[in-house]
Amino acid sequence: MARLTEGAPYVHPDCEITDTEFGRFVEIGRGSRVAHSTIGDYSYCDRYSDIANAEILKFSNIASFTRIGATDHPMDKASLHHFHYRSNDYWDDAAPDEAWLAHRRTRRAVIGHDTWIGHGAMIKPEVTLGHGSVVASGAIVTRDVDPYTVVAGLPAKPVRARYAPGIADRMMALAWWDWSHDRLRATLEDFRALSAEEFLERYE
């Protein structure tokens, strides 16, 4: 029997999930923390990922120890410390600064379809990873990444295109990530055996 299902995410032990919506066939690795986010169909994160304020689309591959949407501290105020916005943790008669917390949640990272984020990478708030893009292990992404582009480094910069010119546009037009579960199963052998160009020639 298949381990992943449409009905509920497969959440490994020791996870902390807050205010998050899950699509179908989603998996959350052991010890991960996911907050104020949406996780699209078939996307998964491996162990000890930390995801906040993110919109993760379909078929995203998120390696262990990644951080997406790392929250900020208020650099323009007298203190960086969270005592002044998580004040209820320190005083019984103080409320949290809900306006600041709500503002921080609006600074969303967007992770495109069929993306791969390598081990230990970080995606900063308000960054968009284009469909099919790849982030190398350990990279820190501070700017948007074009579709089907591989980035690496501190800060991350483009290394190469994932596909030859024209293939990326054709793949986005095909949008196989919107296919039904049954169609994915029916074309499984072609996903395994064909190159990207051969796959496009067969299914465009």
C-alpha atoms as a PDB file:
ATOM      1  CA  MET A   1       0.000   0.000   0.000  1.00  0.00           C
ATOM      2  CA  ALA A   2       1.310   3.470  -0.920  1.00  0.00           C
ATOM      3  CA  ARG A   3       2.703   5.405   2.036  1.00  0.00           C
ATOM      4  CA  LEU A   4       1.540   8.846   0.878  1.00  0.00           C
ATOM      5  CA  THR A   5      -2.126   9.673   0.392  1.00  0.00           C
ATOM      6  CA  GLU A   6      -4.417  12.425  -0.830  1.00  0.00           C
ATOM      7  CA  GLY A   7      -6.208  12.842   2.460  1.00  0.00           C
ATOM      8  CA  ALA A   8      -3.550  13.981   4.924  1.00  0.00           C
ATOM      9  CA  PRO A   9       0.156  14.820   4.935  1.00  0.00           C
ATOM     10  CA  TYR A  10       2.618  12.205   6.147  1.00  0.00           C
ATOM     11  CA  VAL A  11       4.166  14.006   9.119  1.00  0.00           C
ATOM     12  CA  HIS A  12       7.151  12.328  10.762  1.00  0.00           C
ATOM     13  CA  PRO A  13       7.720  12.522  14.536  1.00  0.00           C
ATOM     14  CA  ASP A  14       8.789  15.632  16.428  1.00  0.00           C
ATOM     15  CA  CYS A  15       7.413  18.161  13.944  1.00  0.00           C
ATOM     16  CA  GLU A  16       5.901  21.502  14.892  1.00  0.00           C
ATOM     17  CA  ILE A  17       3.128  22.589  12.511  1.00  0.00           C
ATOM     18  CA  THR A  18       1.331  25.951  12.884  1.00  0.00           C
ATOM     19  CA  ASP A  19      -1.315  27.538  10.639  1.00  0.00           C
ATOM     20  CA  THR A  20      -0.347  25.576   7.527  1.00  0.00           C
ATOM     21  CA  GLU A  21      -2.374  24.100   4.672  1.00  0.00           C
ATOM     22  CA  PHE A  22      -1.279  20.936   2.903  1.00  0.00           C
ATOM     23  CA  GLY A  23      -2.003  19.587  -0.557  1.00  0.00           C
ATOM     24  CA  ARG A  24      -2.158  15.954  -1.594  1.00  0.00           C
ATOM     25  CA  PHE A  25       0.681  13.423  -1.162  1.00  0.00           C
ATOM     26  CA  VAL A  26       2.773  15.756   1.023  1.00  0.00           C
ATOM     27  CA  GLU A  27       5.513  14.581   3.404  1.00  0.00           C
ATOM     28  CA  ILE A  28       7.108  16.523   6.270  1.00  0.00           C
ATOM     29  CA  GLY A  29      10.414  15.166   7.561  1.00  0.00           C
ATOM     30  CA  ARG A  30      11.273  14.432  11.179  1.00  0.00           C
ATOM     31  CA  GLY A  31      11.813  17.415  13.439  1.00  0.00           C
ATOM     32  CA  SER A  32      10.691  19.990  10.882  1.00  0.00           C
ATOM     33  CA  ARG A  33       8.978  23.234  11.810  1.00  0.00           C
ATOM     34  CA  VAL A  34       6.382  24.632   9.397  1.00  0.00           C
ATOM     35  CA  ALA A  35       4.431  27.805  10.154  1.00  0.00           C
ATOM     36  CA  HIS A  36       2.011  30.119   8.325  1.00  0.00           C
ATOM     37  CA  SER A  37       2.594  28.385   4.999  1.00  0.00           C
ATOM     38  CA  THR A  38       0.995  26.376   2.227  1.00  0.00           C
ATOM     39  CA  ILE A  39       2.575  23.183   0.933  1.00  0.00           C
ATOM     40  CA  GLY A  40       1.397  22.106  -2.517  1.00  0.00           C
ATOM     41  CA  ASP A  41       0.603  18.669  -3.909  1.00  0.00           C
ATOM     42  CA  TYR A  42       3.473  16.130  -3.889  1.00  0.00           C
ATOM     43  CA  SER A  43       5.918  18.527  -2.225  1.00  0.00           C
ATOM     44  CA  TYR A  44       8.051  17.311   0.657  1.00  0.00           C
ATOM     45  CA  CYS A  45      10.746  18.431   3.037  1.00  0.00           C
ATOM     46  CA  ASP A  46      13.372  16.193   4.571  1.00  0.00           C
ATOM     47  CA  ARG A  47      14.500  16.220   8.224  1.00  0.00           C
ATOM     48  CA  TYR A  48      14.762  19.364  10.328  1.00  0.00           C
ATOM     49  CA  SER A  49      13.580  21.827   7.724  1.00  0.00           C
ATOM     50  CA  ASP A  50      12.378  25.194   9.010  1.00  0.00           C
ATOM     51  CA  ILE A  51       9.686  26.766   6.821  1.00  0.00           C
ATOM     52  CA  ALA A  52       7.791  29.958   7.643  1.00  0.00           C
ATOM     53  CA  ASN A  53       5.600  32.374   5.707  1.00  0.00           C
ATOM     54  CA  ALA A  54       6.038  30.424   2.490  1.00  0.00           C
ATOM     55  CA  GLU A  55       3.963  29.393  -0.486  1.00  0.00           C
ATOM     56  CA  ILE A  56       5.398  26.130  -1.771  1.00  0.00           C
ATOM     57  CA  LEU A  57       3.859  24.960  -5.016  1.00  0.00           C
ATOM     58  CA  LYS A  58       3.700  21.394  -6.367  1.00  0.00           C
ATOM     59  CA  PHE A  59       6.477  18.779  -6.559  1.00  0.00           C
ATOM     60  CA  SER A  60       9.008  20.793  -4.566  1.00  0.00           C
ATOM     61  CA  ASN A  61      11.976  18.776  -3.278  1.00  0.00           C
ATOM     62  CA  ILE A  62      13.326  20.299  -0.061  1.00  0.00           C
ATOM     63  CA  ALA A  63      16.404  18.681   1.458  1.00  0.00           C
ATOM     64  CA  SER A  64      17.231  18.375   5.153  1.00  0.00           C
ATOM     65  CA  PHE A  65      18.241  21.325   7.347  1.00  0.00           C
ATOM     66  CA  THR A  66      16.915  23.921   4.901  1.00  0.00           C
ATOM     67  CA  ARG A  67      15.370  27.198   5.969  1.00  0.00           C
ATOM     68  CA  ILE A  68      12.709  28.963   3.924  1.00  0.00           C
ATOM     69  CA  GLY A  69      11.293  32.381   4.759  1.00  0.00           C
ATOM     70  CA  ALA A  70      13.600  32.958   7.704  1.00  0.00           C
ATOM     71  CA  THR A  71      11.862  35.574   9.842  1.00  0.00           C
ATOM     72  CA  ASP A  72      13.394  39.000  10.421  1.00  0.00           C
ATOM     73  CA  HIS A  73      14.158  41.072  13.483  1.00  0.00           C
ATOM     74  CA  PRO A  74      13.162  44.772  13.545  1.00  0.00           C
ATOM     75  CA  MET A  75      16.432  46.482  12.657  1.00  0.00           C
ATOM     76  CA  ASP A  76      14.945  50.001  12.707  1.00  0.00           C
ATOM     77  CA  LYS A  77      13.849  49.884  16.366  1.00  0.00           C
ATOM     78  CA  ALA A  78      15.764  50.405  19.596  1.00  0.00           C
ATOM     79  CA  SER A  79      16.269  46.655  20.035  1.00  0.00           C
ATOM     80  CA  LEU A  80      16.406  43.626  17.775  1.00  0.00           C
ATOM     81  CA  HIS A  81      15.211  41.331  20.549  1.00  0.00           C
ATOM     82  CA  HIS A  82      11.825  39.683  20.518  1.00  0.00           C
ATOM     83  CA  PHE A  83      10.959  40.787  24.050  1.00  0.00           C
ATOM     84  CA  HIS A  84       9.132  43.751  22.522  1.00  0.00           C
ATOM     85  CA  TYR A  85       7.013  41.756  20.067  1.00  0.00           C
ATOM     86  CA  ARG A  86       6.686  38.436  21.934  1.00  0.00           C
ATOM     87  CA  SER A  87       6.200  40.366  25.147  1.00  0.00           C
ATOM     88  CA  ASN A  88       3.693  37.935  26.670  1.00  0.00           C
ATOM     89  CA  ASP A  89       6.554  35.430  27.018  1.00  0.00           C
ATOM     90  CA  TYR A  90       8.206  37.820  29.493  1.00  0.00           C
ATOM     91  CA  TRP A  91       5.365  39.589  31.341  1.00  0.00           C
ATOM     92  CA  ASP A  92       1.956  38.381  32.427  1.00  0.00           C
ATOM     93  CA  ASP A  93       0.407  41.786  31.753  1.00  0.00           C
ATOM     94  CA  ALA A  94       1.896  42.396  28.285  1.00  0.00           C
ATOM     95  CA  ALA A  95       0.409  41.382  24.935  1.00  0.00           C
ATOM     96  CA  PRO A  96       2.372  40.385  21.820  1.00  0.00           C
ATOM     97  CA  ASP A  97       2.846  43.002  19.107  1.00  0.00           C
ATOM     98  CA  GLU A  98       0.343  41.464  16.713  1.00  0.00           C
ATOM     99  CA  ALA A  99       0.839  44.185  14.098  1.00  0.00           C
ATOM    100  CA  TRP A 100       4.561  43.393  13.786  1.00  0.00           C
ATOM    101  CA  LEU A 101       3.950  39.647  13.693  1.00  0.00           C
ATOM    102  CA  ALA A 102       1.229  40.065  11.057  1.00  0.00           C
ATOM    103  CA  HIS A 103       3.523  42.258   8.933  1.00  0.00           C
ATOM    104  CA  ARG A 104       6.261  39.644   9.092  1.00  0.00           C
ATOM    105  CA  ARG A 105       3.862  36.963   7.866  1.00  0.00           C
ATOM    106  CA  THR A 106       3.118  39.017   4.730  1.00  0.00           C
ATOM    107  CA  ARG A 107       6.747  38.749   3.574  1.00  0.00           C
ATOM    108  CA  ARG A 108       6.255  35.415   1.866  1.00  0.00           C
ATOM    109  CA  ALA A 109       8.757  33.270   0.004  1.00  0.00           C
ATOM    110  CA  VAL A 110       7.344  31.532  -3.078  1.00  0.00           C
ATOM    111  CA  ILE A 111       8.791  28.198  -4.196  1.00  0.00           C
ATOM    112  CA  GLY A 112       7.810  27.187  -7.734  1.00  0.00           C
ATOM    113  CA  HIS A 113       6.733  23.841  -9.134  1.00  0.00           C
ATOM    114  CA  ASP A 114       9.319  21.050  -9.480  1.00  0.00           C
ATOM    115  CA  THR A 115      12.064  22.896  -7.599  1.00  0.00           C
ATOM    116  CA  TRP A 116      14.984  21.374  -5.693  1.00  0.00           C
ATOM    117  CA  ILE A 117      16.461  23.065  -2.634  1.00  0.00           C
ATOM    118  CA  GLY A 118      19.695  21.435  -1.496  1.00  0.00           C
ATOM    119  CA  HIS A 119      20.814  20.491   2.011  1.00  0.00           C
ATOM    120  CA  GLY A 120      21.339  23.408   4.369  1.00  0.00           C
ATOM    121  CA  ALA A 121      20.219  26.087   1.907  1.00  0.00           C
ATOM    122  CA  MET A 122      18.361  29.218   2.997  1.00  0.00           C
ATOM    123  CA  ILE A 123      15.679  31.092   1.065  1.00  0.00           C
ATOM    124  CA  LYS A 124      15.086  34.612   2.401  1.00  0.00           C
ATOM    125  CA  PRO A 125      11.657  36.278   2.743  1.00  0.00           C
ATOM    126  CA  GLU A 126      10.014  37.734  -0.381  1.00  0.00           C
ATOM    127  CA  VAL A 127      12.179  35.608  -2.691  1.00  0.00           C
ATOM    128  CA  THR A 128      10.587  33.635  -5.544  1.00  0.00           C
ATOM    129  CA  LEU A 129      12.157  30.490  -6.957  1.00  0.00           C
ATOM    130  CA  GLY A 130      10.955  29.987 -10.528  1.00  0.00           C
ATOM    131  CA  HIS A 131       9.520  26.674 -11.675  1.00  0.00           C
ATOM    132  CA  GLY A 132      12.146  23.986 -12.155  1.00  0.00           C
ATOM    133  CA  SER A 133      14.943  25.915 -10.469  1.00  0.00           C
ATOM    134  CA  VAL A 134      17.665  24.318  -8.345  1.00  0.00           C
ATOM    135  CA  VAL A 135      19.372  25.767  -5.255  1.00  0.00           C
ATOM    136  CA  ALA A 136      22.731  24.217  -4.391  1.00  0.00           C
ATOM    137  CA  SER A 137      23.477  22.898  -0.922  1.00  0.00           C
ATOM    138  CA  GLY A 138      24.462  25.607   1.528  1.00  0.00           C
ATOM    139  CA  ALA A 139      23.400  28.487  -0.719  1.00  0.00           C
ATOM    140  CA  ILE A 140      21.698  31.588   0.660  1.00  0.00           C
ATOM    141  CA  VAL A 141      19.156  32.941  -1.811  1.00  0.00           C
ATOM    142  CA  THR A 142      18.477  36.668  -1.402  1.00  0.00           C
ATOM    143  CA  ARG A 143      17.043  37.421  -4.872  1.00  0.00           C
ATOM    144  CA  ASP A 144      14.503  35.846  -7.192  1.00  0.00           C
ATOM    145  CA  VAL A 145      15.686  32.874  -9.255  1.00  0.00           C
ATOM    146  CA  ASP A 146      14.604  32.477 -12.873  1.00  0.00           C
ATOM    147  CA  PRO A 147      12.794  29.300 -13.924  1.00  0.00           C
ATOM    148  CA  TYR A 148      14.993  26.287 -14.673  1.00  0.00           C
ATOM    149  CA  THR A 149      18.119  28.019 -13.364  1.00  0.00           C
ATOM    150  CA  VAL A 150      20.716  26.492 -11.034  1.00  0.00           C
ATOM    151  CA  VAL A 151      22.078  28.847  -8.359  1.00  0.00           C
ATOM    152  CA  ALA A 152      24.847  28.422  -5.787  1.00  0.00           C
ATOM    153  CA  GLY A 153      26.924  30.439  -3.347  1.00  0.00           C
ATOM    154  CA  LEU A 154      26.755  33.099  -0.629  1.00  0.00           C
ATOM    155  CA  PRO A 155      24.755  34.953  -1.774  1.00  0.00           C
ATOM    156  CA  ALA A 156      23.425  32.624  -4.427  1.00  0.00           C
ATOM    157  CA  LYS A 157      24.131  33.487  -8.059  1.00  0.00           C
ATOM    158  CA  PRO A 158      23.227  31.712 -11.310  1.00  0.00           C
ATOM    159  CA  VAL A 159      25.593  28.882 -12.234  1.00  0.00           C
ATOM    160  CA  ARG A 160      23.931  27.500 -15.345  1.00  0.00           C
ATOM    161  CA  ALA A 161      20.626  26.795 -17.006  1.00  0.00           C
ATOM    162  CA  ARG A 162      19.064  23.443 -16.197  1.00  0.00           C
ATOM    163  CA  TYR A 163      17.944  22.864 -19.794  1.00  0.00           C
ATOM    164  CA  ALA A 164      19.063  23.942 -23.256  1.00  0.00           C
ATOM    165  CA  PRO A 165      17.498  27.166 -24.599  1.00  0.00           C
ATOM    166  CA  GLY A 166      13.807  26.834 -25.341  1.00  0.00           C
ATOM    167  CA  ILE A 167      13.257  23.657 -23.341  1.00  0.00           C
ATOM    168  CA  ALA A 168      12.321  25.518 -20.151  1.00  0.00           C
ATOM    169  CA  ASP A 169       9.596  27.544 -21.879  1.00  0.00           C
ATOM    170  CA  ARG A 170       8.184  24.396 -23.466  1.00  0.00           C
ATOM    171  CA  MET A 171       8.221  22.575 -20.130  1.00  0.00           C
ATOM    172  CA  MET A 172       6.356  25.413 -18.414  1.00  0.00           C
ATOM    173  CA  ALA A 173       3.790  25.423 -21.221  1.00  0.00           C
ATOM    174  CA  LEU A 174       3.326  21.662 -20.821  1.00  0.00           C
ATOM    175  CA  ALA A 175       2.784  22.162 -17.053  1.00  0.00           C
ATOM    176  CA  TRP A 176       2.858  18.436 -16.298  1.00  0.00           C
ATOM    177  CA  TRP A 177       2.581  19.279 -12.581  1.00  0.00           C
ATOM    178  CA  ASP A 178      -1.105  19.931 -13.178  1.00  0.00           C
ATOM    179  CA  TRP A 179      -1.721  16.434 -14.518  1.00  0.00           C
ATOM    180  CA  SER A 180      -3.976  14.090 -12.580  1.00  0.00           C
ATOM    181  CA  HIS A 181      -2.586  11.437 -10.265  1.00  0.00           C
ATOM    182  CA  ASP A 182      -3.761   8.779 -12.706  1.00  0.00           C
ATOM    183  CA  ARG A 183      -2.038  10.446 -15.649  1.00  0.00           C
ATOM    184  CA  LEU A 184       1.197  10.721 -13.696  1.00  0.00           C
ATOM    185  CA  ARG A 185       1.003   6.980 -13.051  1.00  0.00           C
ATOM    186  CA  ALA A 186       0.245   6.260 -16.702  1.00  0.00           C
ATOM    187  CA  THR A 187       3.296   8.253 -17.849  1.00  0.00           C
ATOM    188  CA  LEU A 188       5.625   7.090 -15.054  1.00  0.00           C
ATOM    189  CA  GLU A 189       7.835   4.994 -17.330  1.00  0.00           C
ATOM    190  CA  ASP A 190       8.354   7.942 -19.673  1.00  0.00           C
ATOM    191  CA  PHE A 191       9.294  10.212 -16.745  1.00  0.00           C
ATOM    192  CA  ARG A 192      11.893   7.573 -15.867  1.00  0.00           C
ATOM    193  CA  ALA A 193      13.243   6.776 -19.318  1.00  0.00           C
ATOM    194  CA  LEU A 194      13.001   9.884 -21.503  1.00  0.00           C
ATOM    195  CA  SER A 195      15.119  13.022 -21.547  1.00  0.00           C
ATOM    196  CA  ALA A 196      13.298  16.318 -21.025  1.00  0.00           C
ATOM    197  CA  GLU A 197      13.298  17.007 -24.773  1.00  0.00           C
ATOM    198  CA  GLU A 198      12.062  13.512 -25.623  1.00  0.00           C
ATOM    199  CA  PHE A 199       9.340  13.865 -23.023  1.00  0.00           C
ATOM    200  CA  LEU A 200       8.201  17.152 -24.541  1.00  0.00           C
ATOM    201  CA  GLU A 201       8.162  15.704 -28.040  1.00  0.00           C
ATOM    202  CA  ARG A 202       5.890  12.933 -26.857  1.00  0.00           C
ATOM    203  CA  TYR A 203       3.450  14.975 -24.757  1.00  0.00           C
ATOM    204  CA  GLU A 204       3.264  18.478 -26.231  1.00  0.00           C
END
